[in-house]
Amino acid sequence: MKQLCNCTTCTKFALWMYLYTLKETSQLSAQSLYEDFFDSCLIVPYDAPPVTMARPSPFPPSTSTPGVGHVCLNLQTPSHPVFSTLSFSYPLKLVVSAPHTLAPSAPTSTPRPSAVPLLFLLTYGGGLVSGDHVSLSLTLAPTTRLVIATQGSTKIFRPSSPSHPSTLTRQDIHTEIGAHAALWYAPDPCQPFADSRYAQRQIFSLDVRGGASLGLIDWVSEGRGARGEKWAMAVWRGRNEVWDIEEATAPAVGGGEKRRRLVLRDNIVLEGPDIRSRVDELGVFGTVILVGPLLSSLACFFVDEFKALPRIGARDWSSQEVQGSAAAASAEVQETEAERRGEWRKRRQEREKRDGVLWTAASVRGAVVVKFGAREVEGAKIWLGDMLREEGTVGREFGPGGLICVK
């Protein structure tokens, strides 16, 4: 006696309904229909393994690599920016927002685009799980501008399995910025969870002699403070490199080679058994890097404001300097502006004391590096937002999207 294959209840019901229909419309008996139907179609030996049929996918096979993204921004005639390349794969996600329109440049001034696109760098779930690797390459053609931001802090999740404690989460960004192009990269602070392991490497190659500019904000918080996590990550490493590139004066046969000169390399390593005891009660700290002519005014502003800070054991000369410069001004407008700046500086310094903000600024090979820290993320955002809004270059040259990280 032959046996039926191991099918589901739904399949059996459908077969019996089919047999019943045949019985009602045929002179044959139900038993003969049953035997003929299964003999020709579904009868298999009792001890045979279950038969599985592979169903072909209606989609073409994927050729993308997980976590890899490519962005290329070009300029169409006369000055309209377009993304000639914009690709990404899970867990990376790139979203383009409405661009900010710039006022037309004067005929004698440096060329500028008609608009500045805003690109959001996102991850599915709001963060990176253990073992994720994000690799993003950016290319900005000459005279283009781009703002890169996030819609919230990038969370770094800890390993889900205790058996893989050494799994490292990584993010690599490689950027090339052409002549007279500019990038403002200002994400929200990174938020590493307890026991997480994370390493990032951000390399920026730009034509400094050709007028390329770079603005970078890179900061990390203590983690989930509401859950008692204060610098409880296992590993957090960050590296930022800025390279000056230029065409070789005598390229080799085959051409196309470029000379590279290291402008600066900034490393942050948080690793060890007790990170919290080494951060002096800070809840967040970060780095601002400013390079190029477009951001030279902002760079000088940070350096000048740092020089105006009161020094330990020394007299605070900032108010006298402001009064002296105002008295020496020939126009009443300049005197009013100097007085307003002096009042703003006084209020900012008082707020810095309340929020526990510490910062410094220095010039390194034509670039300005600012290091800052605060007891809480909110205090750091208020301080950084005050500095950027008071000077005005970011809002004027990149639009409101450049200030999303400090809102």
Protein backbone atom coordinates (compact mmCIF):
# COMPACT_ATOMS: atom_id res chain seq x y z
CA MET A 1 0.00 0.00 0.00
CA LYS A 2 1.51 3.25 -1.04
CA GLN A 3 1.53 6.10 1.44
CA LEU A 4 0.96 9.85 0.98
CA CYS A 5 3.85 12.26 1.28
CA ASN A 6 4.18 14.32 4.44
CA CYS A 7 2.08 17.35 3.34
CA THR A 8 0.34 20.07 5.33
CA THR A 9 -3.28 20.05 6.41
CA CYS A 10 -4.17 22.77 3.96
CA THR A 11 -2.78 20.80 1.04
CA LYS A 12 -4.71 17.68 2.06
CA PHE A 13 -7.93 19.62 2.29
CA ALA A 14 -7.46 21.10 -1.17
CA LEU A 15 -6.73 17.67 -2.66
CA TRP A 16 -9.82 16.08 -1.12
CA MET A 17 -11.98 18.92 -2.41
CA TYR A 18 -10.58 18.30 -5.87
CA LEU A 19 -11.32 14.59 -5.63
CA TYR A 20 -14.86 15.24 -4.46
CA THR A 21 -15.46 17.47 -7.47
CA LEU A 22 -14.16 14.79 -9.84
CA LYS A 23 -16.40 12.17 -8.19
CA GLU A 24 -19.52 14.26 -8.69
CA THR A 25 -18.76 14.85 -12.40
CA SER A 26 -17.44 11.38 -13.29
CA GLN A 27 -18.72 7.81 -13.49
CA LEU A 28 -15.58 6.53 -11.80
CA SER A 29 -15.52 5.65 -8.19
CA ALA A 30 -13.79 7.82 -5.61
CA GLN A 31 -11.34 5.03 -4.86
CA SER A 32 -10.15 4.73 -8.46
CA LEU A 33 -9.85 8.51 -8.78
CA TYR A 34 -7.87 8.61 -5.58
CA GLU A 35 -5.44 5.92 -6.78
CA ASP A 36 -5.09 7.26 -10.33
CA PHE A 37 -4.53 10.83 -9.18
CA PHE A 38 -1.84 10.07 -6.63
CA ASP A 39 -0.20 7.38 -8.78
CA SER A 40 0.40 9.94 -11.51
CA CYS A 41 1.17 13.00 -9.37
CA LEU A 42 1.93 12.82 -5.69
CA ILE A 43 2.65 9.24 -4.68
CA VAL A 44 6.16 8.77 -3.31
CA PRO A 45 7.71 5.85 -1.46
CA TYR A 46 7.03 5.84 2.25
CA ASP A 47 10.69 6.10 3.23
CA ALA A 48 11.63 8.74 0.64
CA PRO A 49 12.92 12.12 1.92
CA PRO A 50 10.62 15.13 1.59
CA VAL A 51 10.82 16.84 -1.78
CA THR A 52 11.63 20.57 -1.76
CA MET A 53 11.37 22.75 -4.84
CA ALA A 54 13.58 25.85 -5.10
CA ARG A 55 11.60 28.84 -6.27
CA PRO A 56 13.64 31.29 -8.33
CA SER A 57 13.80 34.87 -7.07
CA PRO A 58 12.11 37.49 -9.27
CA PHE A 59 14.90 39.98 -8.40
CA PRO A 60 18.38 40.05 -9.93
CA PRO A 61 21.26 38.97 -7.67
CA SER A 62 22.74 41.77 -5.56
CA THR A 63 26.26 42.97 -6.32
CA SER A 64 26.52 45.54 -3.50
CA THR A 65 28.68 45.18 -0.40
CA PRO A 66 26.95 45.71 2.98
CA GLY A 67 27.58 49.13 4.50
CA VAL A 68 29.28 50.65 1.44
CA GLY A 69 28.25 54.04 0.07
CA HIS A 70 29.46 56.27 -2.76
CA VAL A 71 28.66 59.96 -3.21
CA CYS A 72 29.85 62.15 -6.06
CA LEU A 73 28.69 65.78 -6.27
CA ASN A 74 29.17 67.64 -9.56
CA LEU A 75 28.20 70.99 -10.98
CA GLN A 76 25.96 71.43 -13.99
CA THR A 77 26.09 74.52 -16.19
CA PRO A 78 26.06 77.20 -15.04
CA SER A 79 26.31 76.44 -11.29
CA HIS A 80 23.66 73.92 -10.28
CA PRO A 81 24.86 71.06 -8.01
CA VAL A 82 23.76 67.50 -8.85
CA PHE A 83 24.61 64.07 -7.41
CA SER A 84 26.08 62.09 -10.28
CA THR A 85 26.54 59.14 -7.90
CA LEU A 86 24.54 58.34 -4.79
CA SER A 87 24.51 54.70 -3.69
CA PHE A 88 24.40 52.92 -0.35
CA SER A 89 23.59 49.54 1.18
CA TYR A 90 22.40 48.33 4.57
CA PRO A 91 23.16 49.32 7.34
CA LEU A 92 24.11 52.66 5.75
CA LYS A 93 21.41 55.01 4.49
CA LEU A 94 21.82 58.35 2.70
CA VAL A 95 18.95 60.83 2.40
CA VAL A 96 19.13 64.06 0.39
CA SER A 97 17.17 67.03 1.72
CA ALA A 98 16.17 70.29 0.05
CA PRO A 99 19.24 72.39 -0.85
CA HIS A 100 19.92 75.85 0.51
CA THR A 101 19.94 78.54 -2.18
CA LEU A 102 22.90 80.92 -2.15
CA ALA A 103 22.92 84.51 -3.34
CA PRO A 104 24.69 85.07 -6.67
CA SER A 105 28.38 85.81 -6.32
CA ALA A 106 29.99 88.99 -7.57
CA PRO A 107 31.79 88.72 -10.93
CA THR A 108 35.18 89.41 -9.33
CA SER A 109 34.75 87.10 -6.33
CA THR A 110 35.53 83.40 -5.94
CA PRO A 111 33.09 81.23 -7.92
CA ARG A 112 30.35 79.61 -5.90
CA PRO A 113 27.44 77.23 -6.62
CA SER A 114 23.83 78.32 -6.76
CA ALA A 115 22.82 76.00 -3.89
CA VAL A 116 24.23 73.80 -1.12
CA PRO A 117 22.71 70.30 -0.83
CA LEU A 118 22.07 68.77 2.59
CA LEU A 119 22.91 65.06 2.92
CA PHE A 120 21.80 63.06 5.96
CA LEU A 121 24.05 60.20 7.02
CA LEU A 122 21.80 57.63 8.71
CA THR A 123 21.82 54.05 9.94
CA TYR A 124 18.86 51.70 10.22
CA GLY A 125 17.69 51.58 13.84
CA GLY A 126 19.56 54.75 14.74
CA GLY A 127 22.90 53.11 15.34
CA LEU A 128 25.47 50.44 14.52
CA VAL A 129 25.33 46.95 15.96
CA SER A 130 28.38 44.96 16.88
CA GLY A 131 30.32 43.89 13.80
CA ASP A 132 28.85 46.49 11.41
CA HIS A 133 31.29 48.11 9.01
CA VAL A 134 30.31 51.33 7.23
CA SER A 135 32.54 52.60 4.44
CA LEU A 136 31.63 55.86 2.68
CA SER A 137 33.53 57.58 -0.13
CA LEU A 138 32.80 61.22 -0.99
CA THR A 139 33.95 63.21 -4.00
CA LEU A 140 33.24 66.93 -4.33
CA ALA A 141 33.94 68.36 -7.76
CA PRO A 142 35.49 71.85 -7.99
CA THR A 143 33.28 74.74 -6.84
CA THR A 144 30.68 72.50 -5.17
CA ARG A 145 29.57 72.66 -1.54
CA LEU A 146 27.97 70.01 0.65
CA VAL A 147 26.59 69.77 4.19
CA ILE A 148 26.53 66.36 5.89
CA ALA A 149 24.49 65.95 9.07
CA THR A 150 22.61 63.30 11.05
CA GLN A 151 19.12 63.24 12.51
CA GLY A 152 20.31 62.31 15.99
CA SER A 153 23.19 60.75 17.85
CA THR A 154 24.73 57.64 16.30
CA LYS A 155 24.36 54.85 18.85
CA ILE A 156 26.99 52.15 19.14
CA PHE A 157 25.43 48.95 20.46
CA ARG A 158 27.38 46.44 22.49
CA PRO A 159 28.00 42.82 21.36
CA SER A 160 24.84 40.75 21.62
CA SER A 161 26.73 37.56 22.46
CA PRO A 162 29.25 37.25 25.32
CA SER A 163 31.09 34.70 23.17
CA HIS A 164 32.18 37.48 20.75
CA PRO A 165 33.41 40.27 23.05
CA SER A 166 36.16 41.39 20.65
CA THR A 167 33.90 42.16 17.67
CA LEU A 168 34.66 45.70 16.52
CA THR A 169 32.19 48.12 14.93
CA ARG A 170 33.87 50.30 12.30
CA GLN A 171 33.15 53.39 10.22
CA ASP A 172 35.49 54.67 7.51
CA ILE A 173 34.98 57.87 5.51
CA HIS A 174 37.25 58.89 2.63
CA THR A 175 36.68 62.33 1.12
CA GLU A 176 38.19 64.22 -1.82
CA ILE A 177 37.44 67.94 -2.11
CA GLY A 178 38.28 69.79 -5.33
CA ALA A 179 39.42 73.34 -5.90
CA HIS A 180 37.10 76.02 -4.44
CA ALA A 181 34.82 73.25 -3.10
CA ALA A 182 33.78 73.06 0.54
CA LEU A 183 32.48 70.40 2.92
CA TRP A 184 30.79 71.07 6.25
CA TYR A 185 30.57 67.74 8.11
CA ALA A 186 28.66 68.23 11.37
CA PRO A 187 27.01 65.08 12.77
CA ASP A 188 25.43 64.77 16.20
CA PRO A 189 27.67 63.32 18.91
CA CYS A 190 28.40 59.60 18.87
CA GLN A 191 26.79 57.71 21.78
CA PRO A 192 28.60 54.47 22.67
CA PHE A 193 26.72 52.02 24.90
CA ALA A 194 28.30 50.08 27.75
CA ASP A 195 30.81 47.42 26.62
CA SER A 196 30.63 48.60 23.00
CA ARG A 197 33.70 48.50 20.77
CA TYR A 198 34.00 51.10 18.03
CA ALA A 199 36.67 52.54 15.74
CA GLN A 200 36.31 55.24 13.11
CA ARG A 201 38.73 56.63 10.56
CA GLN A 202 37.95 59.80 8.60
CA ILE A 203 40.40 60.86 5.91
CA PHE A 204 39.95 64.17 4.07
CA SER A 205 42.02 64.99 0.99
CA LEU A 206 41.57 68.51 -0.34
CA ASP A 207 43.20 70.93 -2.74
CA VAL A 208 44.21 73.54 -0.17
CA ARG A 209 46.23 75.62 -2.63
CA GLY A 210 43.28 75.56 -4.99
CA GLY A 211 40.96 77.08 -2.38
CA ALA A 212 39.23 73.96 -1.03
CA SER A 213 37.74 74.20 2.48
CA LEU A 214 36.76 71.74 5.20
CA GLY A 215 34.78 72.13 8.41
CA LEU A 216 34.50 69.10 10.71
CA ILE A 217 32.81 68.53 14.07
CA ASP A 218 33.64 65.20 15.71
CA TRP A 219 32.39 64.56 19.24
CA VAL A 220 31.53 61.66 21.56
CA SER A 221 29.33 61.52 24.66
CA GLU A 222 29.58 59.43 27.81
CA GLY A 223 26.78 57.08 26.70
CA ARG A 224 23.36 56.54 28.26
CA GLY A 225 23.72 58.68 31.36
CA ALA A 226 20.09 58.09 32.38
CA ARG A 227 20.93 54.39 32.77
CA GLY A 228 24.06 55.05 34.76
CA GLU A 229 26.43 54.53 31.84
CA LYS A 230 29.30 56.99 32.14
CA TRP A 231 32.19 56.21 29.80
CA ALA A 232 31.43 52.50 30.18
CA MET A 233 32.41 51.57 26.63
CA ALA A 234 35.11 48.97 26.12
CA VAL A 235 36.83 50.68 23.17
CA TRP A 236 36.28 53.96 21.32
CA ARG A 237 38.87 55.08 18.82
CA GLY A 238 38.68 58.02 16.45
CA ARG A 239 41.16 59.22 13.85
CA ASN A 240 40.88 62.31 11.65
CA GLU A 241 43.41 63.00 8.93
CA VAL A 242 43.61 66.05 6.65
CA TRP A 243 45.79 65.84 3.55
CA ASP A 244 46.72 68.56 1.07
CA ILE A 245 46.73 67.19 -2.48
CA GLU A 246 48.06 68.81 -5.63
CA GLU A 247 48.92 67.73 -9.15
CA ALA A 248 52.51 66.62 -9.57
CA THR A 249 54.61 69.17 -11.48
CA ALA A 250 56.30 66.42 -13.48
CA PRO A 251 53.98 63.40 -13.50
CA ALA A 252 55.33 60.05 -14.49
CA VAL A 253 54.49 58.43 -17.78
CA GLY A 254 50.81 57.62 -17.58
CA GLY A 255 50.13 60.84 -15.63
CA GLY A 256 47.41 61.41 -13.09
CA GLU A 257 49.58 61.07 -9.99
CA LYS A 258 49.02 63.49 -7.13
CA ARG A 259 51.32 64.56 -4.34
CA ARG A 260 49.94 64.42 -0.83
CA ARG A 261 51.09 66.35 2.22
CA LEU A 262 49.81 65.60 5.70
CA VAL A 263 48.29 68.72 7.27
CA LEU A 264 47.23 67.16 10.56
CA ARG A 265 46.35 63.87 12.20
CA ASP A 266 44.14 63.84 15.30
CA ASN A 267 43.64 60.67 17.34
CA ILE A 268 41.31 59.96 20.26
CA VAL A 269 41.62 56.65 22.11
CA LEU A 270 39.25 55.70 24.92
CA GLU A 271 40.27 52.27 26.09
CA GLY A 272 41.07 50.64 29.40
CA PRO A 273 39.50 49.48 32.63
CA ASP A 274 38.49 52.89 34.04
CA ILE A 275 37.91 55.52 31.37
CA ARG A 276 35.64 57.60 33.60
CA SER A 277 38.41 58.52 36.02
CA ARG A 278 40.47 60.03 33.19
CA VAL A 279 37.92 62.44 31.69
CA ASP A 280 37.68 64.83 34.65
CA GLU A 281 33.86 64.57 35.07
CA LEU A 282 33.21 65.58 31.46
CA GLY A 283 30.12 64.14 29.81
CA VAL A 284 31.12 64.98 26.25
CA PHE A 285 34.17 66.17 24.41
CA GLY A 286 35.02 66.72 20.79
CA THR A 287 37.08 68.34 18.07
CA VAL A 288 36.44 71.07 15.50
CA ILE A 289 38.76 71.22 12.48
CA LEU A 290 38.68 74.23 10.14
CA VAL A 291 40.71 74.37 6.92
CA GLY A 292 40.57 76.60 3.87
CA PRO A 293 39.71 80.16 2.83
CA LEU A 294 35.93 79.84 3.10
CA LEU A 295 36.21 79.09 6.84
CA SER A 296 39.21 81.29 7.59
CA SER A 297 37.04 83.94 9.27
CA LEU A 298 35.48 81.32 11.56
CA ALA A 299 38.92 79.89 12.35
CA CYS A 300 40.27 83.31 13.33
CA PHE A 301 37.16 83.92 15.42
CA PHE A 302 37.81 80.83 17.53
CA VAL A 303 41.46 81.76 18.03
CA ASP A 304 40.65 85.37 18.97
CA GLU A 305 37.94 84.35 21.43
CA PHE A 306 40.31 81.87 23.04
CA LYS A 307 42.90 84.61 23.47
CA ALA A 308 40.22 86.76 25.15
CA LEU A 309 39.50 84.13 27.83
CA PRO A 310 40.59 85.07 31.36
CA ARG A 311 43.80 83.35 32.47
CA ILE A 312 44.54 81.86 35.86
CA GLY A 313 46.65 84.25 37.92
CA ALA A 314 46.35 87.02 35.38
CA ARG A 315 44.10 89.99 34.91
CA ASP A 316 41.14 89.77 32.55
CA TRP A 317 41.96 92.31 29.85
CA SER A 318 39.12 91.35 27.51
CA SER A 319 36.78 94.22 28.49
CA GLN A 320 39.59 96.81 28.25
CA GLU A 321 40.54 95.54 24.81
CA VAL A 322 36.97 95.87 23.64
CA GLN A 323 36.66 99.38 25.05
CA GLY A 324 39.99 100.38 23.52
CA SER A 325 39.09 99.09 20.08
CA ALA A 326 35.71 100.79 20.31
CA ALA A 327 37.28 104.10 21.34
CA ALA A 328 39.71 103.91 18.49
CA ALA A 329 36.95 103.29 15.97
CA SER A 330 36.13 106.23 13.81
CA ALA A 331 32.53 105.25 13.14
CA GLU A 332 29.73 104.98 15.67
CA VAL A 333 28.56 101.71 14.06
CA GLN A 334 31.89 100.05 14.83
CA GLU A 335 31.76 101.24 18.43
CA THR A 336 28.25 99.85 18.87
CA GLU A 337 29.29 96.52 17.37
CA ALA A 338 32.31 96.29 19.66
CA GLU A 339 30.16 96.97 22.71
CA ARG A 340 27.62 94.36 21.60
CA ARG A 341 30.38 91.78 21.04
CA GLY A 342 31.81 92.55 24.48
CA GLU A 343 28.43 91.98 26.16
CA TRP A 344 27.96 88.75 24.21
CA ARG A 345 31.41 87.51 25.24
CA LYS A 346 30.68 88.25 28.89
CA ARG A 347 27.39 86.33 28.83
CA ARG A 348 29.02 83.42 26.99
CA GLN A 349 31.86 83.12 29.48
CA GLU A 350 29.42 83.12 32.40
CA ARG A 351 27.42 80.35 30.74
CA GLU A 352 30.62 78.39 30.10
CA LYS A 353 31.28 78.38 33.86
CA ARG A 354 27.77 77.16 34.65
CA ASP A 355 27.89 74.37 32.07
CA GLY A 356 31.46 73.35 32.85
CA VAL A 357 32.66 74.07 29.31
CA LEU A 358 36.41 73.83 28.72
CA TRP A 359 37.97 74.57 25.35
CA THR A 360 41.13 75.53 23.55
CA ALA A 361 42.10 76.53 20.00
CA ALA A 362 45.37 76.36 18.10
CA SER A 363 46.65 76.86 14.58
CA VAL A 364 48.36 73.85 12.99
CA ARG A 365 49.94 74.17 9.50
CA GLY A 366 47.29 76.55 8.27
CA ALA A 367 44.41 74.68 9.93
CA VAL A 368 42.71 75.56 13.21
CA VAL A 369 41.93 72.77 15.69
CA VAL A 370 39.49 73.39 18.54
CA LYS A 371 39.17 70.96 21.45
CA PHE A 372 36.17 71.27 23.76
CA GLY A 373 34.39 69.44 26.54
CA ALA A 374 31.39 69.94 28.84
CA ARG A 375 29.59 68.22 31.68
CA GLU A 376 26.57 67.49 29.46
CA VAL A 377 25.82 67.31 25.75
CA GLU A 378 23.31 70.15 26.01
CA GLY A 379 25.93 72.50 27.45
CA ALA A 380 28.33 71.70 24.63
CA LYS A 381 25.60 72.29 22.02
CA ILE A 382 24.72 75.69 23.53
CA TRP A 383 28.36 76.80 23.57
CA LEU A 384 29.13 75.59 20.05
CA GLY A 385 25.89 77.01 18.67
CA ASP A 386 26.61 80.42 20.21
CA MET A 387 30.05 80.50 18.62
CA LEU A 388 28.85 79.49 15.15
CA ARG A 389 25.84 81.82 15.12
CA GLU A 390 27.78 84.81 16.43
CA GLU A 391 30.45 84.54 13.73
CA GLY A 392 27.90 83.72 11.00
CA THR A 393 29.95 82.01 8.28
CA VAL A 394 28.27 78.60 8.53
CA GLY A 395 24.73 79.94 8.28
CA ARG A 396 25.65 82.33 5.48
CA GLU A 397 27.76 80.00 3.31
CA PHE A 398 26.13 76.60 4.04
CA GLY A 399 22.59 77.44 5.14
CA PRO A 400 20.61 76.39 8.23
CA GLY A 401 21.40 72.73 7.62
CA GLY A 402 24.92 73.35 8.88
CA LEU A 403 23.54 74.19 12.35
CA ILE A 404 21.29 71.15 12.80
CA CYS A 405 23.76 69.45 15.15
CA VAL A 406 23.57 72.35 17.67
CA LYS A 407 19.77 72.72 17.80
